[in-house]
C-alpha cells in the first residue's frame, strides 16, 4: 500500500528529500508546488516527479494527494501545517515546528482531532552523537544523567548569506535576521533526542550583532531582531539542566560539523568537538570519533548541488556512520545521497512508516513541541535580559 505526496517548496533543501520520497517503496506519486512555478517545474523535471500544482491550495484540494511535506521558509511552517491537517492530509514539516506557542498548540489540537500523522524532520534526532548517547543512556552507561550541552554553531559567512539571498529575493536581509533561538531544534533536539526529559524553565542571554551590514539590524529585520548569538540554560524535568548555543557569528568550521553535543552522568560522560569525540569514565578516555563519523555517499561537486553554496554542501552529502543501524531502511536508499550526518534516510523512512502503519513517528507533534517551544521562550528571555521563564509542556503523545 502506498500513498501520494505533495512537496511544498522547491528550494535547495527540498530537492534532496524529493529524491528519497520518490525512491521509497511506500510512496507513490510525488508532486511539487512553489510560489515560483519555474522552480517547481525544474525540480519535477530533475527528479522525475509526477507533476506540479499551481498553488498549495490547489494541492490540498486534490484527492490525488494523501500527504504533504513542507519545505518553506522557517517562519511559515505553522500555518501551512495547519492548512494541511485541516484539509485531511498527513504532514511532514521541516524545522522548526512553528514560531509561537499558539501555533504549536493548534497543531497538537489538529493532530488529536484528525488522527492524522504529523512529523517534524529534526535532523539531530539521527545525529550520530545523539544516536550513540541515546543507546548508552538506554543501557545505563552514564549512570544518572544530570547535564548536557547542544550547540548549533553555523557562521553566516559559511554559506548562509548565499542561502538567504536565494530564498529571500531582494529583501533577503529582512529575513536573514531570523532570531537564532527561534531555530532551536538542532541543538535542543540533539539533547532531548537522547535524554528522555523536557525543559521546564529557561534563562537566556543574547549578543547584539555589530557587523553593521544590514543583517541583524532591527530597523531592517522583519522580526525586530538584532541578536546573532545566544546561549540558553534550561532546567530539565526530573532534575538536572542542559545548555544550548545558537551562534551565527562564530570562528568555527561549521562546514565540518555544525551541530555538536556533550552529555555528563554520574558514571560517564561524552564530549564532541568538530573533529573529535570522546567517551570518558572514571578509569580513562576512549576516542569514539570513527564510530560517529559518516561516510559521504555523494560528492560535493555533484551537479545536483550546483545551486547550493559550497560551504553548505557537506550537509547534503554525508552517508551513514557506524553507529547508525541501517537494517530497517529500504534497499532503494543504499546508493542514494544522504545528508546532515546521515539523518535524511531515517527521517524519510520514519514518516513513511508512520503514515502506512498509522503509528506515531519518533518526532511526533508532542515531541516536536518539546524540541521547539523551549527556543521560543528562550528568545523571549533573552529579549528581557535573561529573566527566567517557565516553559509550558503539552505532555506525552497519547498511546496508540
Protein backbone atom coordinates (compact mmCIF):
# COMPACT_ATOMS: atom_id res chain seq x y z
CA UNK A 1 0.00 0.00 0.00
CA UNK A 2 1.48 3.37 -1.00
CA UNK A 3 0.42 6.97 -0.52
CA UNK A 4 0.87 10.03 -2.71
CA UNK A 5 2.87 13.04 -1.56
CA UNK A 6 2.87 16.74 -2.37
CA UNK A 7 6.00 18.79 -1.67
CA UNK A 8 5.60 22.47 -0.78
CA UNK A 9 8.68 24.50 -1.62
CA UNK A 10 11.19 23.64 -4.34
CA UNK A 11 14.27 25.27 -2.87
CA UNK A 12 17.74 23.92 -2.14
CA UNK A 13 16.69 21.61 0.68
CA UNK A 14 13.53 20.00 -0.69
CA UNK A 15 15.20 18.57 -3.79
CA UNK A 16 17.32 16.25 -1.69
CA UNK A 17 14.22 14.89 0.07
CA UNK A 18 12.17 14.68 -3.13
CA UNK A 19 14.56 12.04 -4.46
CA UNK A 20 14.29 9.99 -1.26
CA UNK A 21 10.49 10.17 -1.07
CA UNK A 22 10.23 9.18 -4.73
CA UNK A 23 12.53 6.18 -4.18
CA UNK A 24 10.79 4.90 -1.03
CA UNK A 25 8.64 1.84 -1.81
CA UNK A 26 5.91 3.17 0.48
CA UNK A 27 5.39 6.33 -1.60
CA UNK A 28 3.61 6.52 -4.94
CA UNK A 29 3.33 9.69 -6.99
CA UNK A 30 5.21 12.77 -5.79
CA UNK A 31 4.12 16.25 -6.87
CA UNK A 32 5.54 19.68 -6.03
CA UNK A 33 4.41 23.29 -5.81
CA UNK A 34 6.29 26.53 -5.23
CA UNK A 35 5.50 30.25 -5.19
CA UNK A 36 7.90 30.43 -8.14
CA UNK A 37 6.39 27.98 -10.66
CA UNK A 38 9.63 27.67 -12.60
CA UNK A 39 11.37 26.25 -9.54
CA UNK A 40 8.65 23.62 -9.13
CA UNK A 41 8.87 22.69 -12.79
CA UNK A 42 12.66 22.48 -12.62
CA UNK A 43 12.55 20.18 -9.58
CA UNK A 44 9.87 17.96 -11.10
CA UNK A 45 11.95 17.54 -14.24
CA UNK A 46 15.21 16.95 -12.38
CA UNK A 47 13.78 14.29 -10.05
CA UNK A 48 11.25 12.71 -12.39
CA UNK A 49 8.30 13.70 -10.22
CA UNK A 50 4.68 13.10 -11.25
CA UNK A 51 3.99 16.80 -11.81
CA UNK A 52 3.36 20.22 -10.30
CA UNK A 53 0.45 22.12 -8.79
CA UNK A 54 -0.14 25.84 -9.38
CA UNK A 55 -0.56 26.50 -5.65
CA UNK A 56 -0.62 24.90 -2.22
CA UNK A 57 -4.37 25.41 -2.08
CA UNK A 58 -4.83 23.51 -5.33
CA UNK A 59 -2.67 20.71 -3.98
CA UNK A 60 -4.74 20.46 -0.79
CA UNK A 61 -7.98 20.37 -2.78
CA UNK A 62 -6.79 17.42 -4.86
CA UNK A 63 -7.99 13.95 -3.85
CA UNK A 64 -4.87 12.62 -5.58
CA UNK A 65 -2.69 13.89 -2.69
CA UNK A 66 -2.65 11.94 0.60
CA UNK A 67 0.19 13.73 2.41
CA UNK A 68 2.26 16.87 2.14
CA UNK A 69 5.86 17.73 3.01
CA UNK A 70 6.55 21.35 3.94
CA UNK A 71 9.95 22.77 2.91
CA UNK A 72 9.33 26.52 3.04
CA UNK A 73 10.75 29.47 4.96
CA UNK A 74 11.07 28.54 8.62
CA UNK A 75 8.57 31.09 10.00
CA UNK A 76 5.83 29.85 7.62
CA UNK A 77 5.63 26.25 8.81
CA UNK A 78 2.94 26.55 11.48
CA UNK A 79 0.13 27.95 9.29
CA UNK A 80 0.99 25.67 6.35
CA UNK A 81 0.98 22.59 8.58
CA UNK A 82 -2.42 23.55 9.97
CA UNK A 83 -3.78 24.02 6.45
CA UNK A 84 -2.58 20.57 5.51
CA UNK A 85 -4.01 18.81 8.56
CA UNK A 86 -7.34 20.62 8.27
CA UNK A 87 -7.51 19.56 4.61
CA UNK A 88 -7.18 15.92 5.65
CA UNK A 89 -3.54 15.40 4.68
CA UNK A 90 -0.74 13.79 6.66
CA UNK A 91 2.07 16.32 7.17
CA UNK A 92 5.85 16.16 7.22
CA UNK A 93 7.40 19.51 8.20
CA UNK A 94 10.93 20.81 8.09
CA UNK A 95 12.10 22.54 11.27
CA UNK A 96 11.05 24.41 13.26
CA UNK A 97 7.55 23.22 14.11
CA UNK A 98 6.28 26.81 14.47
CA UNK A 99 7.33 30.18 15.86
CA UNK A 100 4.68 30.76 18.54
CA UNK A 101 3.23 28.73 21.39
CA UNK A 102 -0.23 29.32 19.92
CA UNK A 103 0.73 27.74 16.59
CA UNK A 104 2.22 24.74 18.38
CA UNK A 105 -0.94 24.24 20.47
CA UNK A 106 -3.10 24.49 17.36
CA UNK A 107 -1.07 21.82 15.56
CA UNK A 108 -1.33 19.44 18.52
CA UNK A 109 -5.09 20.05 18.70
CA UNK A 110 -5.42 19.37 14.95
CA UNK A 111 -3.42 16.15 15.15
CA UNK A 112 -5.52 14.99 18.08
CA UNK A 113 -8.79 15.90 16.34
CA UNK A 114 -7.98 14.42 12.92
CA UNK A 115 -5.90 11.40 13.87
CA UNK A 116 -3.55 12.26 11.01
CA UNK A 117 0.21 11.81 11.05
CA UNK A 118 2.35 14.84 11.81
CA UNK A 119 6.13 14.65 11.92
CA UNK A 120 8.84 17.27 12.27
CA UNK A 121 12.01 16.36 10.38
CA UNK A 122 14.62 17.18 13.01
CA UNK A 123 17.99 16.03 11.68
CA UNK A 124 19.60 15.91 15.14
CA UNK A 125 17.32 13.01 16.04
CA UNK A 126 19.72 10.91 13.97
CA UNK A 127 22.92 12.87 14.52
CA UNK A 128 25.47 10.12 15.29
CA UNK A 129 26.32 11.69 18.66
CA UNK A 130 22.66 11.75 19.64
CA UNK A 131 22.16 8.16 18.46
CA UNK A 132 25.18 6.95 20.43
CA UNK A 133 24.19 8.88 23.56
CA UNK A 134 20.62 7.55 23.27
CA UNK A 135 21.94 3.99 23.09
CA UNK A 136 24.31 4.44 26.04
CA UNK A 137 21.63 6.14 28.15
CA UNK A 138 19.32 3.20 27.45
CA UNK A 139 21.91 0.70 28.69
CA UNK A 140 22.69 2.78 31.79
CA UNK A 141 26.28 3.59 30.89
CA UNK A 142 26.08 7.23 32.03
CA UNK A 143 24.67 6.40 35.43
CA UNK A 144 22.34 9.26 36.30
CA UNK A 145 22.44 11.87 33.55
CA UNK A 146 22.36 15.35 35.07
CA UNK A 147 23.74 17.75 32.45
CA UNK A 148 24.04 18.07 28.66
CA UNK A 149 25.05 20.62 26.04
CA UNK A 150 23.92 21.14 22.46
CA UNK A 151 25.45 23.62 20.03
CA UNK A 152 24.32 24.75 16.59
CA UNK A 153 27.33 26.80 15.53
CA UNK A 154 26.92 27.97 11.94
CA UNK A 155 28.56 31.21 10.92
CA UNK A 156 26.68 33.41 8.47
CA UNK A 157 29.81 33.73 6.32
CA UNK A 158 29.85 29.97 5.68
CA UNK A 159 27.01 29.72 3.18
CA UNK A 160 24.13 31.43 4.95
CA UNK A 161 24.43 34.70 3.05
CA UNK A 162 24.03 32.81 -0.23
CA UNK A 163 21.17 30.72 1.15
CA UNK A 164 19.21 33.77 2.31
CA UNK A 165 19.81 35.56 -0.99
CA UNK A 166 18.48 32.50 -2.82
CA UNK A 167 15.33 32.21 -0.71
CA UNK A 168 14.69 35.83 0.26
CA UNK A 169 14.87 37.74 -3.00
CA UNK A 170 15.51 41.48 -2.97
CA UNK A 171 14.52 41.81 0.70
CA UNK A 172 16.72 38.94 1.88
CA UNK A 173 18.33 40.97 4.66
CA UNK A 174 14.97 41.36 6.39
CA UNK A 175 14.68 37.59 6.81
CA UNK A 176 18.39 36.80 7.26
CA UNK A 177 17.93 38.37 10.70
CA UNK A 178 15.82 35.38 11.80
CA UNK A 179 16.37 35.06 15.59
CA UNK A 180 18.80 32.20 16.35
CA UNK A 181 16.78 30.96 19.33
CA UNK A 182 13.67 30.57 17.13
CA UNK A 183 15.62 27.93 15.21
CA UNK A 184 16.44 25.82 18.28
CA UNK A 185 15.65 22.27 17.27
CA UNK A 186 19.12 21.20 16.06
CA UNK A 187 20.63 21.96 19.47
CA UNK A 188 17.65 21.21 21.73
CA UNK A 189 16.55 18.19 19.69
CA UNK A 190 20.03 16.67 19.77
CA UNK A 191 19.99 16.78 23.57
CA UNK A 192 16.39 15.69 24.12
CA UNK A 193 16.57 13.12 21.33
CA UNK A 194 18.91 11.19 23.64
CA UNK A 195 17.86 12.31 27.11
CA UNK A 196 14.24 11.43 27.77
CA UNK A 197 13.26 14.58 29.58
CA UNK A 198 11.95 18.04 28.69
CA UNK A 199 12.69 21.64 29.60
CA UNK A 200 10.62 23.29 32.32
CA UNK A 201 12.29 26.72 32.57
CA UNK A 202 14.91 28.80 30.80
CA UNK A 203 17.17 31.81 31.18
CA UNK A 204 18.90 33.08 28.04
CA UNK A 205 21.39 35.76 27.04
CA UNK A 206 21.65 37.21 23.54
CA UNK A 207 24.59 39.03 21.95
CA UNK A 208 23.69 42.04 19.81
CA UNK A 209 25.28 41.94 16.38
CA UNK A 210 27.91 44.52 15.47
CA UNK A 211 28.75 43.65 11.84
CA UNK A 212 26.71 46.64 10.64
CA UNK A 213 25.91 45.15 7.24
CA UNK A 214 22.12 45.37 7.41
CA UNK A 215 21.73 41.82 8.76
CA UNK A 216 20.57 41.50 12.38
CA UNK A 217 19.61 45.17 12.18
CA UNK A 218 16.34 45.88 13.99
CA UNK A 219 15.49 48.67 11.55
CA UNK A 220 15.69 46.15 8.68
CA UNK A 221 14.62 42.90 10.37
CA UNK A 222 11.05 41.71 9.87
CA UNK A 223 11.49 40.01 13.27
CA UNK A 224 12.67 43.14 15.12
CA UNK A 225 15.85 41.22 15.91
CA UNK A 226 19.45 42.32 16.41
CA UNK A 227 20.73 39.17 18.20
CA UNK A 228 23.14 36.98 16.22
CA UNK A 229 24.48 34.76 19.03
CA UNK A 230 22.57 33.41 22.02
CA UNK A 231 23.03 30.99 24.91
CA UNK A 232 20.19 29.37 26.85
CA UNK A 233 20.28 27.42 30.12
CA UNK A 234 17.34 25.08 30.65
CA UNK A 235 16.07 23.33 33.77
CA UNK A 236 15.24 19.70 32.97
CA UNK A 237 12.19 17.87 34.28
CA UNK A 238 13.17 15.36 36.93
CA UNK A 239 16.34 17.23 37.87
CA UNK A 240 19.41 18.43 36.04
CA UNK A 241 19.96 21.00 33.33
CA UNK A 242 21.12 21.47 29.78
CA UNK A 243 22.61 24.38 27.87
CA UNK A 244 22.38 25.25 24.19
CA UNK A 245 24.24 27.69 21.96
CA UNK A 246 22.87 29.18 18.74
CA UNK A 247 25.72 31.09 17.08
CA UNK A 248 25.64 32.88 13.70
CA UNK A 249 28.84 34.91 14.14
CA UNK A 250 31.50 32.47 15.27
CA UNK A 251 35.04 31.46 14.39
CA UNK A 252 34.31 27.77 13.96
CA UNK A 253 34.38 25.35 10.95
CA UNK A 254 30.65 24.70 10.67
CA UNK A 255 31.17 23.11 7.25
CA UNK A 256 32.92 20.26 9.13
CA UNK A 257 30.34 19.89 11.91
CA UNK A 258 27.62 22.42 12.63
CA UNK A 259 25.88 20.54 15.49
CA UNK A 260 27.79 19.06 18.42
CA UNK A 261 26.86 17.61 21.81
CA UNK A 262 28.05 16.71 25.31
CA UNK A 263 26.44 14.54 27.98
CA UNK A 264 27.50 14.19 31.62
CA UNK A 265 26.38 11.49 34.04
CA UNK A 266 27.45 10.23 37.44
CA UNK A 267 29.36 7.29 35.90
CA UNK A 268 30.48 8.52 32.47
CA UNK A 269 30.50 11.43 30.06
CA UNK A 270 30.71 12.02 26.32
CA UNK A 271 32.07 15.09 24.51
CA UNK A 272 32.11 16.02 20.84
CA UNK A 273 34.06 18.72 19.02
CA UNK A 274 34.46 19.48 15.30
CA UNK A 275 36.73 16.52 14.52
CA UNK A 276 36.97 14.56 17.79
CA UNK A 277 34.51 12.68 20.01
CA UNK A 278 35.44 11.15 23.36
CA UNK A 279 33.86 8.69 25.80
CA UNK A 280 35.10 9.24 29.36
CA UNK A 281 34.57 7.44 32.64
CA UNK A 282 36.35 7.26 35.97
CA UNK A 283 39.01 4.97 34.53
CA UNK A 284 40.02 6.86 31.42
CA UNK A 285 39.24 8.21 27.98
CA UNK A 286 38.29 6.43 24.73
CA UNK A 287 38.31 8.09 21.31
CA UNK A 288 34.99 7.26 19.60
CA UNK A 289 35.40 9.64 16.66
CA UNK A 290 35.30 6.93 13.98
CA UNK A 291 32.11 5.45 15.43
CA UNK A 292 30.34 8.78 14.87
CA UNK A 293 31.86 9.73 11.51
CA UNK A 294 29.54 9.48 8.47
CA UNK A 295 30.99 8.27 5.20
CA UNK A 296 29.97 10.52 2.26
CA UNK A 297 27.77 8.98 -0.44
CA UNK A 298 27.66 11.99 -2.77
CA UNK A 299 30.48 14.20 -3.99
CA UNK A 300 30.25 17.89 -3.04
CA UNK A 301 30.86 18.56 -6.74
CA UNK A 302 27.82 16.56 -7.85
CA UNK A 303 25.74 18.55 -10.40
CA UNK A 304 22.63 18.21 -8.23
CA UNK A 305 24.30 20.57 -5.70
CA UNK A 306 25.30 23.29 -8.14
CA UNK A 307 22.73 25.72 -6.69
CA UNK A 308 23.97 25.17 -3.10
CA UNK A 309 26.76 27.32 -1.67
CA UNK A 310 29.99 25.25 -1.43
CA UNK A 311 30.14 25.84 2.34
CA UNK A 312 26.72 24.19 2.76
CA UNK A 313 27.22 21.13 0.55
CA UNK A 314 28.57 18.85 3.26
CA UNK A 315 25.11 18.92 4.87
CA UNK A 316 23.73 17.16 1.79
CA UNK A 317 26.48 14.62 1.14
CA UNK A 318 27.08 12.71 4.36
CA UNK A 319 26.36 8.99 4.35
CA UNK A 320 25.82 6.89 7.45
CA UNK A 321 28.05 6.48 10.49
CA UNK A 322 28.91 3.09 12.01
CA UNK A 323 26.58 3.87 14.92
CA UNK A 324 23.60 4.06 12.52
CA UNK A 325 21.53 0.88 12.18
CA UNK A 326 20.51 0.80 8.51
CA UNK A 327 18.83 -2.61 8.70
CA UNK A 328 15.34 -1.05 8.80
CA UNK A 329 15.83 1.15 5.74
CA UNK A 330 14.63 0.21 2.25
CA UNK A 331 17.36 -1.13 -0.04
CA UNK A 332 16.41 1.56 -2.55
CA UNK A 333 18.24 4.03 -0.28
CA UNK A 334 21.56 2.17 -0.32
CA UNK A 335 23.02 4.07 -3.28
CA UNK A 336 21.19 7.38 -2.76
CA UNK A 337 22.52 10.59 -1.26
CA UNK A 338 22.13 11.21 2.44
CA UNK A 339 22.63 14.39 4.44
CA UNK A 340 23.05 16.13 7.79
CA UNK A 341 25.35 13.46 9.20
CA UNK A 342 23.29 10.56 7.94
CA UNK A 343 19.84 11.66 9.10
CA UNK A 344 17.87 12.13 5.87
CA UNK A 345 17.31 8.44 5.11
CA UNK A 346 15.95 7.79 8.59
CA UNK A 347 13.68 10.84 8.62
CA UNK A 348 12.01 9.90 5.34
CA UNK A 349 11.55 6.31 6.48
CA UNK A 350 10.12 7.46 9.83
CA UNK A 351 7.40 9.47 8.09
CA UNK A 352 6.53 6.84 5.51
CA UNK A 353 6.37 4.13 8.17
CA UNK A 354 4.15 6.25 10.43
CA UNK A 355 1.69 7.03 7.61
CA UNK A 356 1.50 3.49 6.25
CA UNK A 357 1.24 1.77 9.65
CA UNK A 358 -0.77 4.56 11.35
CA UNK A 359 1.69 4.70 14.23
CA UNK A 360 3.35 7.71 15.84
CA UNK A 361 6.71 8.77 14.38
CA UNK A 362 9.56 9.38 16.86
CA UNK A 363 9.36 13.17 16.37
CA UNK A 364 5.58 13.44 16.56
CA UNK A 365 3.70 16.62 17.42
CA UNK A 366 4.23 16.29 21.18
CA UNK A 367 7.96 15.60 20.83
CA UNK A 368 8.28 18.38 18.23
CA UNK A 369 6.72 20.79 20.73
CA UNK A 370 9.36 19.86 23.31
CA UNK A 371 12.10 20.47 20.75
CA UNK A 372 10.67 23.82 19.55
CA UNK A 373 8.87 25.62 22.38
CA UNK A 374 11.97 25.93 24.62
CA UNK A 375 13.60 28.11 21.98
CA UNK A 376 10.57 30.38 21.71
CA UNK A 377 10.66 31.02 25.46
CA UNK A 378 14.45 31.34 25.40
CA UNK A 379 14.21 34.08 22.79
CA UNK A 380 11.72 35.95 24.96
CA UNK A 381 14.03 35.52 27.97
CA UNK A 382 16.95 36.97 26.01
CA UNK A 383 14.83 39.94 24.95
CA UNK A 384 14.06 40.52 28.65
CA UNK A 385 17.70 40.44 29.70
CA UNK A 386 17.86 36.82 30.82
CA UNK A 387 14.81 36.64 33.08
CA UNK A 388 13.93 33.05 33.97
CA UNK A 389 10.72 31.90 32.30
CA UNK A 390 8.63 28.77 32.76
CA UNK A 391 8.13 26.57 29.70
CA UNK A 392 4.66 25.06 29.24
CA UNK A 393 4.51 21.37 28.35
CA UNK A 394 1.85 19.63 26.23
CA UNK A 395 2.60 16.24 27.76
CA UNK A 396 3.46 12.95 26.13
CA UNK A 397 1.90 11.70 22.94
CA UNK A 398 -1.23 9.60 23.53
CA UNK A 399 -0.66 5.87 23.42
CA UNK A 400 -1.82 4.11 20.26
